[in-house]
C-alpha cells in the first residue's frame, strides 16, 4: 500500500472545491475560469513548494557544512 501523502490530498481537495464552487456559481466565461484556475493552482503550488517533507538536518550535518567553508 502506498504511503499517505498529505500535501497531495490537501491539494486534490482544494482543487475539487474550487471547481465545484465555480460550477455552482455558474462560471461560463473564459475570464471566470481563468480566475478559478488561478485561485485553484497558486495556493496548491505554494503549498507543495513550501511543504517540508524530510527530517531536519542534524547538528553534525550543519557543523560539517560550516567547517567545509573555512
N, C-alpha and C. Protein backbone atom coordinates (compact mmCIF):
# COMPACT_ATOMS: atom_id res chain seq x y z
N UNK A 1 0.84 -1.18 0.00
CA UNK A 1 0.00 0.00 0.00
C UNK A 1 0.89 1.25 0.00
N UNK A 2 0.51 2.21 -0.78
CA UNK A 2 1.30 3.45 -0.90
C UNK A 2 1.18 4.26 0.39
N UNK A 3 2.24 4.99 0.73
CA UNK A 3 2.17 5.81 1.94
C UNK A 3 1.19 6.98 1.75
N UNK A 4 0.63 7.42 2.86
CA UNK A 4 -0.32 8.53 2.87
C UNK A 4 0.42 9.82 2.57
N UNK A 5 0.02 10.52 1.55
CA UNK A 5 0.70 11.74 1.14
C UNK A 5 -0.23 12.93 1.40
N UNK A 6 -0.09 13.55 2.55
CA UNK A 6 -0.99 14.62 2.98
C UNK A 6 -1.00 15.83 2.06
N UNK A 7 0.14 16.35 1.60
CA UNK A 7 0.07 17.53 0.73
C UNK A 7 -0.70 17.29 -0.56
N UNK A 8 -0.59 16.10 -1.12
CA UNK A 8 -1.33 15.82 -2.36
C UNK A 8 -2.83 15.70 -2.10
N UNK A 9 -3.20 15.14 -0.97
CA UNK A 9 -4.62 15.06 -0.62
C UNK A 9 -5.20 16.45 -0.37
N UNK A 10 -4.47 17.30 0.32
CA UNK A 10 -4.93 18.67 0.56
C UNK A 10 -5.09 19.39 -0.78
N UNK A 11 -4.13 19.20 -1.67
CA UNK A 11 -4.18 19.85 -2.98
C UNK A 11 -5.37 19.36 -3.79
N UNK A 12 -5.61 18.06 -3.78
CA UNK A 12 -6.74 17.50 -4.54
C UNK A 12 -8.08 18.01 -4.00
N UNK A 13 -8.20 18.08 -2.69
CA UNK A 13 -9.44 18.59 -2.10
C UNK A 13 -9.62 20.07 -2.44
N UNK A 14 -8.56 20.85 -2.36
CA UNK A 14 -8.64 22.28 -2.69
C UNK A 14 -9.06 22.49 -4.14
N UNK A 15 -8.45 21.75 -5.06
CA UNK A 15 -8.81 21.89 -6.48
C UNK A 15 -10.25 21.45 -6.73
N UNK A 16 -10.68 20.39 -6.07
CA UNK A 16 -12.06 19.92 -6.23
C UNK A 16 -13.05 20.95 -5.72
N UNK A 17 -12.76 21.54 -4.57
CA UNK A 17 -13.66 22.57 -4.03
C UNK A 17 -13.68 23.81 -4.91
N UNK A 18 -12.56 24.16 -5.51
CA UNK A 18 -12.51 25.31 -6.40
C UNK A 18 -13.36 25.08 -7.64
N UNK A 19 -13.23 23.91 -8.24
CA UNK A 19 -14.02 23.60 -9.44
C UNK A 19 -15.50 23.51 -9.09
N UNK A 20 -15.82 22.88 -7.97
CA UNK A 20 -17.22 22.77 -7.54
C UNK A 20 -17.83 24.14 -7.29
N UNK A 21 -17.09 25.02 -6.64
CA UNK A 21 -17.58 26.37 -6.38
C UNK A 21 -17.80 27.13 -7.69
N UNK A 22 -16.87 27.00 -8.63
CA UNK A 22 -17.02 27.68 -9.91
C UNK A 22 -18.26 27.15 -10.66
N UNK A 23 -18.47 25.85 -10.60
CA UNK A 23 -19.65 25.28 -11.27
C UNK A 23 -20.95 25.72 -10.60
N UNK A 24 -20.96 25.76 -9.28
CA UNK A 24 -22.17 26.17 -8.56
C UNK A 24 -22.48 27.65 -8.77
N UNK A 25 -21.46 28.47 -8.98
CA UNK A 25 -21.68 29.89 -9.23
C UNK A 25 -22.02 30.18 -10.69
N UNK A 26 -21.97 29.17 -11.52
CA UNK A 26 -22.35 29.32 -12.91
C UNK A 26 -21.26 29.97 -13.75
N UNK A 27 -20.04 29.56 -13.55
CA UNK A 27 -18.93 30.11 -14.33
C UNK A 27 -19.08 29.69 -15.78
N UNK A 28 -19.22 30.69 -16.64
CA UNK A 28 -19.41 30.36 -18.05
C UNK A 28 -18.41 31.06 -18.96
N UNK A 29 -17.77 32.11 -18.49
CA UNK A 29 -16.84 32.83 -19.36
C UNK A 29 -15.41 32.34 -19.14
N UNK A 30 -14.59 32.61 -20.11
CA UNK A 30 -13.18 32.21 -20.02
C UNK A 30 -12.48 32.97 -18.90
N UNK A 31 -12.85 34.22 -18.69
CA UNK A 31 -12.24 35.02 -17.63
C UNK A 31 -12.56 34.43 -16.25
N UNK A 32 -13.77 33.97 -16.06
CA UNK A 32 -14.14 33.37 -14.78
C UNK A 32 -13.37 32.08 -14.54
N UNK A 33 -13.21 31.26 -15.58
CA UNK A 33 -12.46 30.02 -15.42
C UNK A 33 -10.97 30.29 -15.22
N UNK A 34 -10.46 31.36 -15.82
CA UNK A 34 -9.07 31.74 -15.60
C UNK A 34 -8.87 32.15 -14.15
N UNK A 35 -9.80 32.93 -13.62
CA UNK A 35 -9.73 33.32 -12.20
C UNK A 35 -9.85 32.10 -11.30
N UNK A 36 -10.76 31.19 -11.62
CA UNK A 36 -10.91 29.98 -10.81
C UNK A 36 -9.66 29.12 -10.86
N UNK A 37 -9.01 29.05 -12.02
CA UNK A 37 -7.78 28.25 -12.11
C UNK A 37 -6.66 28.90 -11.31
N UNK A 38 -6.59 30.22 -11.30
CA UNK A 38 -5.57 30.91 -10.51
C UNK A 38 -5.81 30.68 -9.01
N UNK A 39 -7.06 30.77 -8.60
CA UNK A 39 -7.41 30.52 -7.19
C UNK A 39 -7.13 29.07 -6.83
N UNK A 40 -7.27 28.18 -7.79
CA UNK A 40 -7.04 26.77 -7.53
C UNK A 40 -5.58 26.36 -7.54
N UNK A 41 -4.81 26.88 -8.48
CA UNK A 41 -3.45 26.38 -8.67
C UNK A 41 -2.37 27.13 -7.90
N UNK A 42 -2.53 28.42 -7.67
CA UNK A 42 -1.49 29.17 -6.97
C UNK A 42 -1.33 28.70 -5.53
N UNK A 43 -2.41 28.57 -4.73
CA UNK A 43 -2.20 28.06 -3.37
C UNK A 43 -1.65 26.63 -3.33
N UNK A 44 -2.06 25.81 -4.28
CA UNK A 44 -1.55 24.44 -4.34
C UNK A 44 -0.05 24.44 -4.64
N UNK A 45 0.36 25.27 -5.57
CA UNK A 45 1.78 25.36 -5.89
C UNK A 45 2.61 25.85 -4.72
N UNK A 46 2.10 26.85 -4.00
CA UNK A 46 2.81 27.36 -2.83
C UNK A 46 2.87 26.30 -1.73
N UNK A 47 1.77 25.60 -1.52
CA UNK A 47 1.75 24.54 -0.50
C UNK A 47 2.77 23.45 -0.81
N UNK A 48 2.78 22.98 -2.05
CA UNK A 48 3.70 21.91 -2.41
C UNK A 48 5.16 22.38 -2.41
N UNK A 49 5.38 23.64 -2.74
CA UNK A 49 6.74 24.18 -2.75
C UNK A 49 7.29 24.37 -1.34
N UNK A 50 6.43 24.80 -0.41
CA UNK A 50 6.89 25.09 0.94
C UNK A 50 6.79 23.90 1.89
N UNK A 51 6.16 22.83 1.49
CA UNK A 51 5.98 21.69 2.38
C UNK A 51 7.33 21.04 2.66
N UNK A 52 7.67 20.93 3.94
CA UNK A 52 8.94 20.31 4.35
C UNK A 52 8.69 18.82 4.54
N UNK A 53 9.18 18.01 3.63
CA UNK A 53 8.87 16.59 3.66
C UNK A 53 9.94 15.74 4.34
N UNK A 54 11.12 16.27 4.49
CA UNK A 54 12.20 15.46 5.05
C UNK A 54 12.49 15.81 6.50
N UNK A 55 13.33 15.02 7.12
CA UNK A 55 13.69 15.33 8.50
C UNK A 55 14.62 16.54 8.55
N UNK A 56 14.62 17.26 9.65
CA UNK A 56 15.51 18.42 9.74
C UNK A 56 16.97 17.97 9.78
N UNK A 57 17.88 18.84 9.37
CA UNK A 57 19.30 18.45 9.39
C UNK A 57 19.81 18.32 10.82
N UNK A 58 20.70 17.39 11.01
CA UNK A 58 21.28 17.19 12.34
C UNK A 58 22.37 18.22 12.59
N UNK A 59 22.78 18.36 13.83
CA UNK A 59 23.84 19.31 14.17
C UNK A 59 25.15 18.90 13.51
N UNK A 60 25.39 17.59 13.42
CA UNK A 60 26.61 17.12 12.77
C UNK A 60 26.64 17.53 11.29
N UNK A 61 25.50 17.44 10.62
CA UNK A 61 25.44 17.86 9.22
C UNK A 61 25.66 19.37 9.08
N UNK A 62 25.08 20.14 9.99
CA UNK A 62 25.27 21.59 9.95
C UNK A 62 26.72 21.97 10.21
N UNK A 63 27.34 21.32 11.20
CA UNK A 63 28.74 21.62 11.51
C UNK A 63 29.65 21.20 10.36
N UNK A 64 29.31 20.10 9.71
CA UNK A 64 30.13 19.63 8.59
C UNK A 64 30.10 20.65 7.44
N UNK A 65 28.94 21.21 7.18
CA UNK A 65 28.85 22.18 6.08
C UNK A 65 29.54 23.49 6.43
N UNK A 66 29.49 23.91 7.69
CA UNK A 66 30.17 25.16 8.05
C UNK A 66 31.67 24.95 8.15
N UNK A 67 32.12 23.78 8.56
CA UNK A 67 33.56 23.52 8.65
C UNK A 67 34.18 23.45 7.25
N UNK A 68 33.43 23.02 6.28
CA UNK A 68 33.95 22.92 4.92
C UNK A 68 34.18 24.28 4.29
N UNK A 69 33.52 25.31 4.78
CA UNK A 69 33.68 26.66 4.23
C UNK A 69 34.94 27.36 4.74
N UNK A 70 35.51 26.87 5.82
CA UNK A 70 36.67 27.56 6.41
C UNK A 70 37.93 27.23 5.71
